[in-house]
Amino acid sequence: MKHKLAFTLIELLVVISVIGILIATVTLSFSGAQRKARDARRIEDMNSIQKAMEMYYGANNYVYPSDESVLTSSGYLQTVPSDPKPSPYLDYKFGYPTPGSTYCVCADVENQNEGNSNSRDCQLTFSDTGTYYCVKNRQ
């Protein structure tokens, strides 16, 4: 008596549904990790810009640069960072409320837990959550 290796329709459907659930779980986890990685890059870019601004300030008679292109032309930054996922709603915003004496640089973040401001005007919150991550002058 020979036994044939055969699967019933129900067994095949169960296997296919289990595989589908696993793929959905992995996809959701991967997209969350991508968002966190992009936010980490944005925060690091903001911190690099802040350091370059402060170095420029110390080396140039305690005056901040008039715009971000001065940082690259004077060698404090190789390039002005660009957003890892450019789109109409995610971008870096440079602001100079009082040119030469203050600056504000903000980036939209995808995870609200990563932000420190709810506006692009460098109004930092004490709750450490927000839609934007901003850095401003330390002096």
N, C-alpha and C. Protein backbone atom coordinates (compact mmCIF):
# COMPACT_ATOMS: atom_id res chain seq x y z
N MET A 1 0.83 -1.16 0.00
CA MET A 1 0.00 0.00 0.00
C MET A 1 0.89 1.24 0.00
N LYS A 2 0.73 2.03 -1.04
CA LYS A 2 1.51 3.25 -1.17
C LYS A 2 0.72 4.43 -0.65
N HIS A 3 1.46 5.30 0.05
CA HIS A 3 0.83 6.54 0.52
C HIS A 3 1.27 7.68 -0.39
N LYS A 4 0.33 8.39 -0.91
CA LYS A 4 0.65 9.54 -1.74
C LYS A 4 0.78 10.77 -0.84
N LEU A 5 1.74 11.59 -1.18
CA LEU A 5 1.91 12.82 -0.44
C LEU A 5 0.98 13.86 -1.07
N ALA A 6 -0.07 14.15 -0.39
CA ALA A 6 -1.06 15.09 -0.92
C ALA A 6 -1.53 16.00 0.21
N PHE A 7 -1.92 17.20 -0.15
CA PHE A 7 -2.41 18.17 0.82
C PHE A 7 -3.86 18.49 0.49
N THR A 8 -4.61 18.69 1.51
CA THR A 8 -6.00 19.08 1.29
C THR A 8 -6.04 20.58 1.05
N LEU A 9 -7.15 21.02 0.55
CA LEU A 9 -7.31 22.44 0.27
C LEU A 9 -7.22 23.27 1.55
N ILE A 10 -7.75 22.79 2.64
CA ILE A 10 -7.71 23.51 3.92
C ILE A 10 -6.27 23.63 4.41
N GLU A 11 -5.49 22.58 4.30
CA GLU A 11 -4.09 22.66 4.72
C GLU A 11 -3.32 23.71 3.90
N LEU A 12 -3.55 23.75 2.61
CA LEU A 12 -2.90 24.74 1.77
C LEU A 12 -3.32 26.16 2.15
N LEU A 13 -4.60 26.37 2.41
CA LEU A 13 -5.08 27.69 2.80
C LEU A 13 -4.49 28.13 4.14
N VAL A 14 -4.35 27.21 5.08
CA VAL A 14 -3.75 27.54 6.38
C VAL A 14 -2.30 27.95 6.21
N VAL A 15 -1.55 27.22 5.41
CA VAL A 15 -0.14 27.54 5.18
C VAL A 15 -0.01 28.90 4.49
N ILE A 16 -0.82 29.15 3.49
CA ILE A 16 -0.77 30.42 2.78
C ILE A 16 -1.13 31.58 3.70
N SER A 17 -2.12 31.41 4.56
CA SER A 17 -2.51 32.50 5.47
C SER A 17 -1.42 32.75 6.52
N VAL A 18 -0.77 31.71 7.01
CA VAL A 18 0.33 31.89 7.97
C VAL A 18 1.48 32.65 7.31
N ILE A 19 1.81 32.29 6.09
CA ILE A 19 2.87 33.01 5.36
C ILE A 19 2.47 34.47 5.16
N GLY A 20 1.23 34.73 4.83
CA GLY A 20 0.75 36.11 4.65
C GLY A 20 0.86 36.92 5.92
N ILE A 21 0.51 36.32 7.04
CA ILE A 21 0.60 37.02 8.33
C ILE A 21 2.06 37.34 8.66
N LEU A 22 2.95 36.40 8.42
CA LEU A 22 4.37 36.63 8.67
C LEU A 22 4.92 37.76 7.79
N ILE A 23 4.54 37.78 6.53
CA ILE A 23 5.01 38.83 5.62
C ILE A 23 4.49 40.20 6.06
N ALA A 24 3.23 40.26 6.47
CA ALA A 24 2.67 41.53 6.92
C ALA A 24 3.38 42.03 8.17
N THR A 25 3.68 41.14 9.09
CA THR A 25 4.37 41.53 10.33
C THR A 25 5.77 42.04 10.04
N VAL A 26 6.49 41.36 9.19
CA VAL A 26 7.86 41.77 8.85
C VAL A 26 7.84 43.12 8.13
N THR A 27 6.88 43.32 7.23
CA THR A 27 6.80 44.57 6.49
C THR A 27 6.52 45.74 7.42
N LEU A 28 5.60 45.59 8.36
CA LEU A 28 5.30 46.66 9.30
C LEU A 28 6.49 46.97 10.19
N SER A 29 7.18 45.96 10.65
CA SER A 29 8.36 46.18 11.49
C SER A 29 9.45 46.89 10.71
N PHE A 30 9.64 46.52 9.47
CA PHE A 30 10.68 47.12 8.64
C PHE A 30 10.38 48.59 8.35
N SER A 31 9.13 48.93 8.06
CA SER A 31 8.81 50.32 7.77
C SER A 31 8.96 51.19 9.01
N GLY A 32 8.65 50.66 10.19
CA GLY A 32 8.87 51.40 11.43
C GLY A 32 10.34 51.65 11.68
N ALA A 33 11.16 50.66 11.40
CA ALA A 33 12.60 50.82 11.57
C ALA A 33 13.16 51.84 10.59
N GLN A 34 12.63 51.88 9.38
CA GLN A 34 13.06 52.87 8.39
C GLN A 34 12.73 54.29 8.86
N ARG A 35 11.52 54.48 9.40
CA ARG A 35 11.14 55.81 9.91
C ARG A 35 12.06 56.25 11.03
N LYS A 36 12.37 55.35 11.94
CA LYS A 36 13.27 55.68 13.05
C LYS A 36 14.68 56.02 12.54
N ALA A 37 15.14 55.29 11.55
CA ALA A 37 16.48 55.55 11.00
C ALA A 37 16.52 56.91 10.30
N ARG A 38 15.45 57.25 9.56
CA ARG A 38 15.43 58.57 8.90
C ARG A 38 15.38 59.68 9.94
N ASP A 39 14.62 59.51 11.01
CA ASP A 39 14.58 60.52 12.07
C ASP A 39 15.93 60.67 12.75
N ALA A 40 16.62 59.57 12.98
CA ALA A 40 17.95 59.63 13.59
C ALA A 40 18.91 60.41 12.69
N ARG A 41 18.79 60.20 11.39
CA ARG A 41 19.63 60.95 10.43
C ARG A 41 19.30 62.43 10.48
N ARG A 42 18.01 62.78 10.53
CA ARG A 42 17.62 64.18 10.59
C ARG A 42 18.17 64.85 11.85
N ILE A 43 18.05 64.17 12.98
CA ILE A 43 18.53 64.73 14.25
C ILE A 43 20.05 64.92 14.19
N GLU A 44 20.76 63.95 13.66
CA GLU A 44 22.21 64.08 13.54
C GLU A 44 22.59 65.22 12.61
N ASP A 45 21.84 65.38 11.51
CA ASP A 45 22.09 66.50 10.61
C ASP A 45 21.87 67.84 11.32
N MET A 46 20.82 67.95 12.10
CA MET A 46 20.55 69.18 12.84
C MET A 46 21.69 69.48 13.82
N ASN A 47 22.16 68.44 14.51
CA ASN A 47 23.26 68.63 15.46
C ASN A 47 24.55 69.02 14.75
N SER A 48 24.79 68.48 13.56
CA SER A 48 25.98 68.85 12.77
C SER A 48 25.90 70.31 12.33
N ILE A 49 24.73 70.73 11.90
CA ILE A 49 24.55 72.12 11.50
C ILE A 49 24.76 73.05 12.69
N GLN A 50 24.23 72.65 13.85
CA GLN A 50 24.39 73.47 15.05
C GLN A 50 25.88 73.61 15.41
N LYS A 51 26.61 72.52 15.35
CA LYS A 51 28.05 72.58 15.65
C LYS A 51 28.79 73.47 14.66
N ALA A 52 28.45 73.37 13.37
CA ALA A 52 29.09 74.20 12.36
C ALA A 52 28.77 75.67 12.58
N MET A 53 27.52 75.96 12.94
CA MET A 53 27.13 77.35 13.22
C MET A 53 27.92 77.91 14.40
N GLU A 54 28.06 77.11 15.45
CA GLU A 54 28.76 77.59 16.64
C GLU A 54 30.26 77.76 16.37
N MET A 55 30.84 76.87 15.55
CA MET A 55 32.26 77.04 15.20
C MET A 55 32.45 78.31 14.37
N TYR A 56 31.55 78.55 13.43
CA TYR A 56 31.61 79.77 12.63
C TYR A 56 31.49 81.00 13.54
N TYR A 57 30.56 80.94 14.47
CA TYR A 57 30.32 82.05 15.42
C TYR A 57 31.60 82.39 16.19
N GLY A 58 32.29 81.37 16.69
CA GLY A 58 33.50 81.59 17.46
C GLY A 58 34.66 82.11 16.63
N ALA A 59 34.70 81.75 15.35
CA ALA A 59 35.82 82.13 14.50
C ALA A 59 35.58 83.43 13.74
N ASN A 60 34.38 83.98 13.78
CA ASN A 60 34.04 85.15 12.96
C ASN A 60 33.45 86.29 13.80
N ASN A 61 34.18 86.70 14.80
CA ASN A 61 33.81 87.86 15.63
C ASN A 61 32.41 87.74 16.24
N TYR A 62 32.06 86.54 16.64
CA TYR A 62 30.81 86.28 17.34
C TYR A 62 29.58 86.73 16.55
N VAL A 63 29.58 86.37 15.27
CA VAL A 63 28.45 86.64 14.38
C VAL A 63 28.13 85.32 13.68
N TYR A 64 26.85 84.97 13.66
CA TYR A 64 26.42 83.76 12.95
C TYR A 64 26.37 84.04 11.45
N PRO A 65 26.50 83.00 10.62
CA PRO A 65 26.46 83.22 9.17
C PRO A 65 25.09 83.74 8.74
N SER A 66 25.07 84.45 7.62
CA SER A 66 23.81 85.03 7.13
C SER A 66 22.90 84.00 6.48
N ASP A 67 23.46 82.93 5.96
CA ASP A 67 22.67 81.81 5.45
C ASP A 67 23.51 80.54 5.46
N GLU A 68 22.88 79.42 5.17
CA GLU A 68 23.56 78.13 5.29
C GLU A 68 24.65 77.92 4.25
N SER A 69 24.59 78.60 3.12
CA SER A 69 25.61 78.41 2.09
C SER A 69 26.98 78.91 2.56
N VAL A 70 26.99 79.85 3.50
CA VAL A 70 28.26 80.35 4.04
C VAL A 70 29.01 79.23 4.76
N LEU A 71 28.28 78.31 5.38
CA LEU A 71 28.92 77.20 6.10
C LEU A 71 29.68 76.29 5.15
N THR A 72 29.15 76.07 3.97
CA THR A 72 29.84 75.20 3.01
C THR A 72 30.98 75.93 2.33
N SER A 73 30.77 77.20 1.98
CA SER A 73 31.84 77.94 1.27
C SER A 73 33.03 78.23 2.19
N SER A 74 32.79 78.31 3.51
CA SER A 74 33.90 78.56 4.43
C SER A 74 34.48 77.28 5.03
N GLY A 75 33.93 76.13 4.65
CA GLY A 75 34.52 74.85 5.04
C GLY A 75 34.03 74.26 6.35
N TYR A 76 32.99 74.82 6.95
CA TYR A 76 32.48 74.27 8.21
C TYR A 76 31.57 73.07 7.97
N LEU A 77 30.96 72.98 6.81
CA LEU A 77 30.18 71.82 6.39
C LEU A 77 30.61 71.46 4.97
N GLN A 78 30.70 70.17 4.67
CA GLN A 78 31.02 69.79 3.29
C GLN A 78 29.86 70.14 2.37
N THR A 79 28.65 69.75 2.78
CA THR A 79 27.43 70.09 2.04
C THR A 79 26.33 70.36 3.03
N VAL A 80 25.35 71.14 2.62
CA VAL A 80 24.17 71.33 3.46
C VAL A 80 23.37 70.04 3.37
N PRO A 81 23.07 69.41 4.50
CA PRO A 81 22.37 68.11 4.46
C PRO A 81 21.01 68.21 3.77
N SER A 82 20.65 67.15 3.12
CA SER A 82 19.32 67.07 2.52
C SER A 82 18.54 65.98 3.25
N ASP A 83 17.23 66.10 3.20
CA ASP A 83 16.38 65.16 3.92
C ASP A 83 16.51 63.76 3.32
N PRO A 84 16.56 62.71 4.17
CA PRO A 84 16.69 61.34 3.64
C PRO A 84 15.48 60.88 2.85
N LYS A 85 14.33 61.52 3.04
CA LYS A 85 13.13 61.17 2.28
C LYS A 85 12.46 62.47 1.85
N PRO A 86 12.99 63.09 0.80
CA PRO A 86 12.44 64.39 0.41
C PRO A 86 11.00 64.26 -0.08
N SER A 87 10.20 65.16 0.37
CA SER A 87 8.80 65.23 -0.05
C SER A 87 8.29 66.61 0.35
N PRO A 88 7.10 66.96 -0.06
CA PRO A 88 6.62 68.30 0.25
C PRO A 88 6.48 68.58 1.75
N TYR A 89 6.32 67.56 2.58
CA TYR A 89 6.09 67.81 3.99
C TYR A 89 7.28 67.47 4.88
N LEU A 90 8.34 66.93 4.35
CA LEU A 90 9.53 66.64 5.13
C LEU A 90 10.71 67.39 4.53
N ASP A 91 11.24 68.34 5.26
CA ASP A 91 12.34 69.13 4.73
C ASP A 91 13.00 69.88 5.86
N TYR A 92 14.22 70.36 5.61
CA TYR A 92 14.90 71.20 6.57
C TYR A 92 14.51 72.65 6.33
N LYS A 93 14.34 73.40 7.39
CA LYS A 93 14.01 74.82 7.26
C LYS A 93 15.02 75.63 8.06
N PHE A 94 15.73 76.48 7.36
CA PHE A 94 16.66 77.38 8.01
C PHE A 94 15.92 78.69 8.27
N GLY A 95 16.13 79.25 9.45
CA GLY A 95 15.53 80.54 9.75
C GLY A 95 16.53 81.44 10.44
N TYR A 96 16.49 82.69 10.12
CA TYR A 96 17.38 83.67 10.72
C TYR A 96 16.53 84.84 11.22
N PRO A 97 15.93 84.69 12.43
CA PRO A 97 15.06 85.75 12.94
C PRO A 97 15.79 87.10 13.02
N THR A 98 17.01 87.09 13.48
CA THR A 98 17.84 88.29 13.51
C THR A 98 19.17 87.90 12.87
N PRO A 99 19.33 88.14 11.57
CA PRO A 99 20.55 87.69 10.88
C PRO A 99 21.82 88.13 11.59
N GLY A 100 22.72 87.17 11.76
CA GLY A 100 23.99 87.46 12.40
C GLY A 100 24.01 87.22 13.89
N SER A 101 22.84 87.36 14.53
CA SER A 101 22.84 87.19 15.99
C SER A 101 22.08 85.96 16.45
N THR A 102 21.20 85.39 15.63
CA THR A 102 20.48 84.17 15.99
C THR A 102 20.27 83.31 14.74
N TYR A 103 19.94 82.07 14.97
CA TYR A 103 19.54 81.18 13.88
C TYR A 103 18.61 80.13 14.44
N CYS A 104 17.90 79.48 13.58
CA CYS A 104 17.01 78.38 13.94
C CYS A 104 16.96 77.44 12.75
N VAL A 105 17.18 76.16 13.00
CA VAL A 105 17.11 75.16 11.93
C VAL A 105 16.20 74.05 12.41
N CYS A 106 15.21 73.71 11.59
CA CYS A 106 14.24 72.67 11.97
C CYS A 106 14.12 71.62 10.87
N ALA A 107 13.77 70.44 11.29
CA ALA A 107 13.48 69.35 10.35
C ALA A 107 12.18 68.69 10.80
N ASP A 108 11.34 68.36 9.84
CA ASP A 108 10.14 67.59 10.15
C ASP A 108 10.57 66.17 10.51
N VAL A 109 9.94 65.60 11.53
CA VAL A 109 10.23 64.21 11.90
C VAL A 109 8.98 63.37 11.67
N GLU A 110 9.18 62.11 11.41
CA GLU A 110 8.06 61.21 11.14
C GLU A 110 7.46 60.64 12.42
N ASN A 111 8.28 60.44 13.44
CA ASN A 111 7.79 59.94 14.74
C ASN A 111 7.71 61.12 15.70
N GLN A 112 6.53 61.39 16.20
CA GLN A 112 6.35 62.56 17.06
C GLN A 112 7.18 62.48 18.33
N ASN A 113 7.54 61.29 18.76
CA ASN A 113 8.37 61.15 19.97
C ASN A 113 9.79 61.65 19.76
N GLU A 114 10.22 61.84 18.53
CA GLU A 114 11.57 62.29 18.23
C GLU A 114 11.69 63.81 18.22
N GLY A 115 10.59 64.51 18.05
CA GLY A 115 10.63 65.97 17.92
C GLY A 115 10.72 66.69 19.25
N ASN A 116 11.16 67.96 19.18
CA ASN A 116 11.24 68.78 20.38
C ASN A 116 10.49 70.09 20.23
N SER A 117 9.71 70.24 19.14
CA SER A 117 8.97 71.46 18.90
C SER A 117 7.71 71.15 18.11
N ASN A 118 6.69 71.97 18.33
CA ASN A 118 5.45 71.82 17.57
C ASN A 118 5.31 72.87 16.48
N SER A 119 6.33 73.71 16.31
CA SER A 119 6.31 74.70 15.24
C SER A 119 7.71 74.83 14.65
N ARG A 120 7.77 75.39 13.46
CA ARG A 120 9.06 75.58 12.79
C ARG A 120 9.74 76.88 13.23
N ASP A 121 9.23 77.50 14.27
CA ASP A 121 9.78 78.77 14.73
C ASP A 121 10.66 78.61 15.95
N CYS A 122 11.16 77.41 16.19
CA CYS A 122 12.06 77.11 17.31
C CYS A 122 11.44 77.41 18.66
N GLN A 123 10.17 77.18 18.80
CA GLN A 123 9.55 77.28 20.11
C GLN A 123 9.61 75.88 20.71
N LEU A 124 10.72 75.60 21.39
CA LEU A 124 10.98 74.26 21.90
C LEU A 124 10.04 73.96 23.05
N THR A 125 9.60 72.70 23.10
CA THR A 125 8.68 72.29 24.16
C THR A 125 9.47 71.58 25.25
N PHE A 126 8.93 71.60 26.43
CA PHE A 126 9.57 70.91 27.55
C PHE A 126 9.15 69.45 27.63
N SER A 127 8.15 69.06 26.86
CA SER A 127 7.67 67.68 26.91
C SER A 127 8.51 66.76 26.03
N ASP A 128 9.43 67.33 25.24
CA ASP A 128 10.30 66.55 24.36
C ASP A 128 9.55 65.73 23.33
N THR A 129 8.41 66.20 22.88
CA THR A 129 7.72 65.58 21.76
C THR A 129 7.24 66.69 20.84
N GLY A 130 7.12 66.37 19.59
CA GLY A 130 6.63 67.35 18.64
C GLY A 130 6.79 66.87 17.22
N THR A 131 6.31 67.68 16.30
CA THR A 131 6.35 67.35 14.89
C THR A 131 7.68 67.72 14.26
N TYR A 132 8.45 68.58 14.92
CA TYR A 132 9.72 69.07 14.38
C TYR A 132 10.84 68.85 15.39
N TYR A 133 12.05 68.70 14.86
CA TYR A 133 13.24 68.71 15.69
C TYR A 133 14.01 69.96 15.30
N CYS A 134 14.22 70.85 16.26
CA CYS A 134 14.84 72.14 15.98
C CYS A 134 16.09 72.34 16.83
N VAL A 135 17.04 73.08 16.26
CA VAL A 135 18.20 73.54 17.01
C VAL A 135 18.30 75.04 16.80
N LYS A 136 18.78 75.73 17.82
CA LYS A 136 18.95 77.16 17.68
C LYS A 136 20.22 77.60 18.36
N ASN A 137 20.53 78.88 18.24
CA ASN A 137 21.79 79.37 18.77
C ASN A 137 21.91 79.12 20.26
N ARG A 138 23.14 78.84 20.67
CA ARG A 138 23.42 78.58 22.09
C ARG A 138 23.80 79.85 22.83
N GLN A 139 24.21 80.86 22.11
CA GLN A 139 24.68 82.10 22.75
C GLN A 139 23.52 83.02 23.06
